[in-house]
């Protein structure tokens, strides 16, 4: 059974559910099943750490997270602030946790859900 996880770093509260243990024999199809559907986008984003800002690009997004293409050297578990710029120009600002570092980008888990007409709802 999954339990709740709360992280407070630099004044940003991140609440997440811990994932139950998963067998290493997961097939690709089950790995791609997601609780929150992704929307493929090419939106500018600025990753803000305590000391630097990195202009990058969002490649997919959901109400609870995003995948970002970046050359920034971030650490899993770091807390950042994202400023995402969708096509309508109204920035979405959200605190986020560096969830995973993949070959095709960095996965972020948002501190709270975001909503935008272009993002598919779960």
N, C-alpha and C. Protein backbone atom coordinates (compact mmCIF):
# COMPACT_ATOMS: atom_id res chain seq x y z
N UNK A 1 0.84 -1.17 0.00
CA UNK A 1 0.00 0.00 0.00
C UNK A 1 0.89 1.24 0.00
N UNK A 2 0.53 2.26 -0.78
CA UNK A 2 1.32 3.48 -0.88
C UNK A 2 1.07 4.37 0.32
N UNK A 3 2.11 5.08 0.77
CA UNK A 3 1.96 6.01 1.87
C UNK A 3 2.23 7.42 1.37
N UNK A 4 1.98 8.41 2.23
CA UNK A 4 2.15 9.81 1.85
C UNK A 4 3.55 10.28 2.18
N UNK A 5 4.09 11.15 1.35
CA UNK A 5 5.42 11.70 1.53
C UNK A 5 5.30 13.22 1.47
N UNK A 6 5.84 13.92 2.45
CA UNK A 6 5.83 15.38 2.46
C UNK A 6 7.26 15.87 2.56
N UNK A 7 7.63 16.80 1.68
CA UNK A 7 8.98 17.35 1.66
C UNK A 7 8.86 18.86 1.74
N UNK A 8 9.63 19.49 2.62
CA UNK A 8 9.68 20.95 2.73
C UNK A 8 11.11 21.37 2.52
N UNK A 9 11.36 22.09 1.41
CA UNK A 9 12.70 22.56 1.12
C UNK A 9 12.60 23.99 0.60
N UNK A 10 13.34 24.89 1.16
CA UNK A 10 13.36 26.29 0.74
C UNK A 10 11.96 26.88 0.69
N UNK A 11 11.12 26.53 1.65
CA UNK A 11 9.78 27.10 1.72
C UNK A 11 8.77 26.50 0.77
N UNK A 12 9.15 25.47 0.01
CA UNK A 12 8.22 24.82 -0.93
C UNK A 12 7.83 23.47 -0.34
N UNK A 13 6.53 23.24 -0.22
CA UNK A 13 6.03 21.97 0.29
C UNK A 13 5.68 21.08 -0.88
N UNK A 14 6.22 19.87 -0.90
CA UNK A 14 5.92 18.88 -1.94
C UNK A 14 5.25 17.72 -1.24
N UNK A 15 4.04 17.39 -1.67
CA UNK A 15 3.35 16.22 -1.13
C UNK A 15 3.19 15.22 -2.26
N UNK A 16 3.61 14.02 -2.02
CA UNK A 16 3.53 12.98 -3.05
C UNK A 16 3.18 11.67 -2.39
N UNK A 17 2.74 10.77 -3.19
CA UNK A 17 2.51 9.41 -2.70
C UNK A 17 3.72 8.58 -3.08
N UNK A 18 4.23 7.86 -2.12
CA UNK A 18 5.35 6.97 -2.42
C UNK A 18 4.81 5.82 -3.26
N UNK A 19 5.60 5.41 -4.22
CA UNK A 19 5.19 4.31 -5.08
C UNK A 19 5.50 2.99 -4.39
N UNK A 20 4.61 2.02 -4.49
CA UNK A 20 4.91 0.71 -3.93
C UNK A 20 6.07 0.08 -4.70
N UNK A 21 6.71 -0.91 -4.10
CA UNK A 21 7.80 -1.60 -4.78
C UNK A 21 7.31 -2.18 -6.09
N UNK A 22 8.17 -2.11 -7.10
CA UNK A 22 7.82 -2.61 -8.43
C UNK A 22 8.87 -3.61 -8.86
N UNK A 23 8.43 -4.69 -9.42
CA UNK A 23 9.34 -5.71 -9.92
C UNK A 23 10.19 -5.16 -11.05
N UNK A 24 11.48 -5.53 -11.14
CA UNK A 24 12.30 -5.06 -12.25
C UNK A 24 11.88 -5.65 -13.59
N UNK A 25 10.98 -6.61 -13.59
CA UNK A 25 10.55 -7.25 -14.83
C UNK A 25 9.33 -6.54 -15.44
N UNK A 26 9.29 -5.23 -15.36
CA UNK A 26 8.18 -4.45 -15.90
C UNK A 26 8.36 -4.35 -17.42
N UNK A 27 7.27 -4.59 -18.16
CA UNK A 27 7.39 -4.42 -19.60
C UNK A 27 7.12 -2.97 -19.97
N UNK A 28 7.51 -2.57 -21.17
CA UNK A 28 7.39 -1.18 -21.62
C UNK A 28 5.96 -0.70 -21.58
N UNK A 29 5.00 -1.54 -21.95
CA UNK A 29 3.61 -1.13 -21.99
C UNK A 29 3.12 -0.74 -20.59
N UNK A 30 3.44 -1.51 -19.57
CA UNK A 30 2.98 -1.16 -18.23
C UNK A 30 3.71 0.07 -17.70
N UNK A 31 4.97 0.29 -18.10
CA UNK A 31 5.69 1.50 -17.68
C UNK A 31 5.06 2.75 -18.27
N UNK A 32 4.45 2.65 -19.45
CA UNK A 32 3.88 3.82 -20.10
C UNK A 32 2.47 4.13 -19.61
N UNK A 33 1.86 3.26 -18.82
CA UNK A 33 0.56 3.58 -18.24
C UNK A 33 0.77 4.59 -17.13
N UNK A 34 0.09 5.69 -17.25
CA UNK A 34 0.29 6.76 -16.28
C UNK A 34 -1.02 7.14 -15.64
N UNK A 35 -0.94 7.57 -14.39
CA UNK A 35 -2.12 8.02 -13.67
C UNK A 35 -2.65 9.32 -14.27
N UNK A 36 -1.74 10.20 -14.74
CA UNK A 36 -2.11 11.49 -15.31
C UNK A 36 -1.62 11.53 -16.75
N UNK A 37 -2.53 11.66 -17.72
CA UNK A 37 -2.12 11.64 -19.12
C UNK A 37 -1.21 12.82 -19.46
N UNK A 38 -0.25 12.56 -20.33
CA UNK A 38 0.69 13.58 -20.78
C UNK A 38 0.19 14.25 -22.04
N UNK A 39 0.54 15.52 -22.20
CA UNK A 39 0.28 16.25 -23.43
C UNK A 39 1.64 16.63 -23.99
N UNK A 40 1.91 16.25 -25.25
CA UNK A 40 3.18 16.60 -25.88
C UNK A 40 3.12 18.07 -26.30
N UNK A 41 4.13 18.83 -25.89
CA UNK A 41 4.18 20.26 -26.17
C UNK A 41 5.62 20.66 -26.50
N UNK A 42 5.79 21.85 -26.97
CA UNK A 42 7.12 22.47 -27.11
C UNK A 42 6.99 23.88 -26.56
N UNK A 43 6.98 23.99 -25.25
CA UNK A 43 6.81 25.26 -24.56
C UNK A 43 8.10 25.67 -23.88
N UNK A 44 8.42 26.96 -23.93
CA UNK A 44 9.58 27.43 -23.16
C UNK A 44 9.32 27.29 -21.66
N UNK A 45 10.38 27.06 -20.92
CA UNK A 45 10.31 26.98 -19.46
C UNK A 45 11.62 27.52 -18.91
N UNK A 46 11.55 28.14 -17.75
CA UNK A 46 12.75 28.55 -17.04
C UNK A 46 12.79 27.76 -15.74
N UNK A 47 13.89 27.03 -15.54
CA UNK A 47 14.11 26.30 -14.29
C UNK A 47 14.89 27.24 -13.38
N UNK A 48 14.34 27.51 -12.21
CA UNK A 48 15.00 28.41 -11.26
C UNK A 48 15.46 27.61 -10.05
N UNK A 49 16.77 27.59 -9.82
CA UNK A 49 17.33 26.98 -8.61
C UNK A 49 17.62 28.13 -7.63
N UNK A 50 18.22 27.82 -6.52
CA UNK A 50 18.54 28.88 -5.55
C UNK A 50 19.53 29.88 -6.13
N UNK A 51 20.38 29.45 -7.06
CA UNK A 51 21.45 30.32 -7.53
C UNK A 51 21.44 30.64 -9.02
N UNK A 52 20.67 29.87 -9.82
CA UNK A 52 20.73 30.04 -11.27
C UNK A 52 19.37 29.88 -11.90
N UNK A 53 19.27 30.37 -13.15
CA UNK A 53 18.07 30.16 -13.97
C UNK A 53 18.52 29.54 -15.29
N UNK A 54 17.76 28.54 -15.75
CA UNK A 54 18.10 27.81 -16.97
C UNK A 54 16.92 27.88 -17.94
N UNK A 55 17.06 28.56 -19.08
CA UNK A 55 16.00 28.52 -20.09
C UNK A 55 16.05 27.16 -20.80
N UNK A 56 14.89 26.50 -20.91
CA UNK A 56 14.81 25.15 -21.47
C UNK A 56 13.51 25.01 -22.26
N UNK A 57 13.13 23.74 -22.53
CA UNK A 57 11.90 23.46 -23.26
C UNK A 57 11.17 22.26 -22.66
N UNK A 58 9.87 22.45 -22.41
CA UNK A 58 9.00 21.36 -21.96
C UNK A 58 8.69 20.50 -23.17
N UNK A 59 8.79 19.17 -23.03
CA UNK A 59 8.44 18.27 -24.13
C UNK A 59 7.15 17.51 -23.88
N UNK A 60 6.80 17.31 -22.61
CA UNK A 60 5.47 16.80 -22.28
C UNK A 60 5.09 17.27 -20.89
N UNK A 61 3.77 17.35 -20.68
CA UNK A 61 3.28 17.94 -19.43
C UNK A 61 1.96 17.30 -19.05
N UNK A 62 1.72 17.19 -17.74
CA UNK A 62 0.43 16.77 -17.21
C UNK A 62 0.07 17.76 -16.11
N UNK A 63 -1.04 17.53 -15.45
CA UNK A 63 -1.43 18.41 -14.35
C UNK A 63 -0.48 18.30 -13.16
N UNK A 64 0.32 17.23 -13.11
CA UNK A 64 1.15 16.98 -11.93
C UNK A 64 2.63 16.87 -12.21
N UNK A 65 3.05 17.04 -13.45
CA UNK A 65 4.47 16.94 -13.73
C UNK A 65 4.80 17.28 -15.17
N UNK A 66 6.08 17.32 -15.48
CA UNK A 66 6.53 17.65 -16.84
C UNK A 66 7.87 17.00 -17.10
N UNK A 67 8.14 16.78 -18.38
CA UNK A 67 9.47 16.35 -18.85
C UNK A 67 10.07 17.55 -19.56
N UNK A 68 11.30 17.89 -19.20
CA UNK A 68 11.97 19.08 -19.73
C UNK A 68 13.30 18.68 -20.34
N UNK A 69 13.54 19.16 -21.57
CA UNK A 69 14.86 18.98 -22.20
C UNK A 69 15.76 20.09 -21.68
N UNK A 70 16.87 19.70 -21.07
CA UNK A 70 17.78 20.70 -20.52
C UNK A 70 19.19 20.13 -20.43
N UNK A 71 20.14 21.01 -20.47
CA UNK A 71 21.53 20.61 -20.23
C UNK A 71 21.94 20.96 -18.80
N UNK A 72 21.00 21.53 -18.02
CA UNK A 72 21.29 21.88 -16.62
C UNK A 72 21.64 20.61 -15.85
N UNK A 73 22.59 20.72 -14.97
CA UNK A 73 23.01 19.58 -14.15
C UNK A 73 22.27 19.65 -12.83
N UNK A 74 21.15 18.95 -12.77
CA UNK A 74 20.30 18.94 -11.58
C UNK A 74 20.43 17.60 -10.88
N UNK A 75 20.10 17.57 -9.61
CA UNK A 75 20.18 16.33 -8.84
C UNK A 75 18.78 15.85 -8.51
N UNK A 76 18.57 14.55 -8.60
CA UNK A 76 17.30 13.95 -8.20
C UNK A 76 17.03 14.35 -6.75
N UNK A 77 15.79 14.77 -6.49
CA UNK A 77 15.41 15.19 -5.15
C UNK A 77 15.54 16.68 -4.91
N UNK A 78 16.19 17.42 -5.83
CA UNK A 78 16.31 18.87 -5.68
C UNK A 78 14.95 19.53 -5.88
N UNK A 79 14.76 20.64 -5.19
CA UNK A 79 13.54 21.42 -5.35
C UNK A 79 13.86 22.65 -6.17
N UNK A 80 13.03 22.92 -7.18
CA UNK A 80 13.22 24.06 -8.06
C UNK A 80 11.88 24.78 -8.22
N UNK A 81 11.93 25.90 -8.89
CA UNK A 81 10.70 26.59 -9.29
C UNK A 81 10.72 26.62 -10.82
N UNK A 82 9.58 26.26 -11.43
CA UNK A 82 9.46 26.28 -12.88
C UNK A 82 8.56 27.43 -13.30
N UNK A 83 8.96 28.12 -14.35
CA UNK A 83 8.11 29.13 -14.98
C UNK A 83 7.87 28.64 -16.41
N UNK A 84 6.68 28.07 -16.64
CA UNK A 84 6.33 27.47 -17.92
C UNK A 84 5.53 28.49 -18.72
N UNK A 85 5.89 28.66 -20.00
CA UNK A 85 5.23 29.66 -20.84
C UNK A 85 4.44 28.97 -21.95
N UNK A 86 3.12 28.76 -21.75
CA UNK A 86 2.30 28.16 -22.80
C UNK A 86 2.02 29.17 -23.92
N UNK A 87 1.45 28.72 -25.03
CA UNK A 87 1.25 29.59 -26.19
C UNK A 87 0.43 30.85 -25.91
N UNK A 88 -0.48 30.81 -24.93
CA UNK A 88 -1.27 32.01 -24.66
C UNK A 88 -0.47 33.07 -23.92
N UNK A 89 0.77 32.74 -23.52
CA UNK A 89 1.67 33.71 -22.94
C UNK A 89 1.53 33.93 -21.45
N UNK A 90 0.49 33.40 -20.80
CA UNK A 90 0.33 33.55 -19.36
C UNK A 90 1.19 32.51 -18.65
N UNK A 91 2.27 32.92 -17.99
CA UNK A 91 3.18 31.94 -17.37
C UNK A 91 2.50 31.13 -16.27
N UNK A 92 2.87 29.86 -16.20
CA UNK A 92 2.45 28.97 -15.11
C UNK A 92 3.66 28.83 -14.21
N UNK A 93 3.53 29.24 -12.95
CA UNK A 93 4.64 29.14 -12.00
C UNK A 93 4.31 28.08 -10.98
N UNK A 94 5.25 27.15 -10.77
CA UNK A 94 5.00 26.04 -9.85
C UNK A 94 6.32 25.55 -9.26
N UNK A 95 6.28 25.23 -7.97
CA UNK A 95 7.42 24.57 -7.34
C UNK A 95 7.43 23.12 -7.80
N UNK A 96 8.61 22.53 -7.92
CA UNK A 96 8.70 21.16 -8.42
C UNK A 96 9.89 20.44 -7.82
N UNK A 97 9.77 19.13 -7.80
CA UNK A 97 10.82 18.24 -7.33
C UNK A 97 11.45 17.58 -8.55
N UNK A 98 12.78 17.53 -8.61
CA UNK A 98 13.45 16.78 -9.68
C UNK A 98 13.21 15.31 -9.36
N UNK A 99 12.34 14.68 -10.14
CA UNK A 99 11.87 13.33 -9.88
C UNK A 99 12.80 12.28 -10.46
N UNK A 100 13.25 12.53 -11.72
CA UNK A 100 14.03 11.52 -12.43
C UNK A 100 14.88 12.20 -13.50
N UNK A 101 16.08 11.66 -13.73
CA UNK A 101 16.95 12.13 -14.81
C UNK A 101 16.98 11.04 -15.88
N UNK A 102 16.46 11.36 -17.06
CA UNK A 102 16.40 10.41 -18.17
C UNK A 102 17.32 10.88 -19.29
N UNK A 103 17.60 9.99 -20.23
CA UNK A 103 18.42 10.35 -21.39
C UNK A 103 17.76 11.45 -22.22
N UNK A 104 16.42 11.48 -22.23
CA UNK A 104 15.70 12.47 -23.05
C UNK A 104 15.22 13.68 -22.25
N UNK A 105 15.67 13.85 -21.02
CA UNK A 105 15.30 15.04 -20.25
C UNK A 105 15.14 14.75 -18.77
N UNK A 106 14.67 15.77 -18.06
CA UNK A 106 14.47 15.70 -16.62
C UNK A 106 12.97 15.65 -16.35
N UNK A 107 12.55 14.71 -15.50
CA UNK A 107 11.15 14.60 -15.10
C UNK A 107 10.97 15.36 -13.78
N UNK A 108 9.95 16.23 -13.76
CA UNK A 108 9.63 17.02 -12.57
C UNK A 108 8.27 16.61 -12.04
N UNK A 109 8.13 16.60 -10.71
CA UNK A 109 6.86 16.37 -10.04
C UNK A 109 6.46 17.69 -9.40
N UNK A 110 5.27 18.21 -9.76
CA UNK A 110 4.84 19.52 -9.28
C UNK A 110 4.42 19.49 -7.82
N UNK A 111 4.66 20.60 -7.10
CA UNK A 111 4.26 20.73 -5.70
C UNK A 111 2.74 20.74 -5.55
N UNK A 112 2.04 21.22 -6.58
CA UNK A 112 0.58 21.19 -6.60
C UNK A 112 0.15 21.06 -8.05
N UNK A 113 -1.06 20.59 -8.26
CA UNK A 113 -1.55 20.42 -9.63
C UNK A 113 -1.73 21.75 -10.32
N UNK A 114 -1.49 21.77 -11.62
CA UNK A 114 -1.72 22.97 -12.42
C UNK A 114 -2.81 22.67 -13.43
N UNK A 115 -3.44 23.71 -13.92
CA UNK A 115 -4.51 23.55 -14.90
C UNK A 115 -4.32 24.55 -16.03
N UNK A 116 -4.50 24.08 -17.24
CA UNK A 116 -4.40 24.92 -18.42
C UNK A 116 -5.22 24.24 -19.51
N UNK A 117 -5.91 25.00 -20.34
CA UNK A 117 -6.77 24.40 -21.37
C UNK A 117 -6.05 23.43 -22.32
N UNK A 118 -4.74 23.62 -22.54
CA UNK A 118 -4.01 22.76 -23.47
C UNK A 118 -3.53 21.46 -22.83
N UNK A 119 -3.64 21.34 -21.50
CA UNK A 119 -3.18 20.14 -20.80
C UNK A 119 -4.36 19.20 -20.61
N UNK A 120 -4.21 17.96 -21.08
CA UNK A 120 -5.28 16.97 -20.93
C UNK A 120 -5.53 16.68 -19.47
N UNK A 121 -6.78 16.63 -19.09
CA UNK A 121 -7.14 16.31 -17.70
C UNK A 121 -7.21 14.80 -17.53
N UNK A 122 -6.95 14.36 -16.32
CA UNK A 122 -6.99 12.92 -16.01
C UNK A 122 -8.43 12.42 -15.97
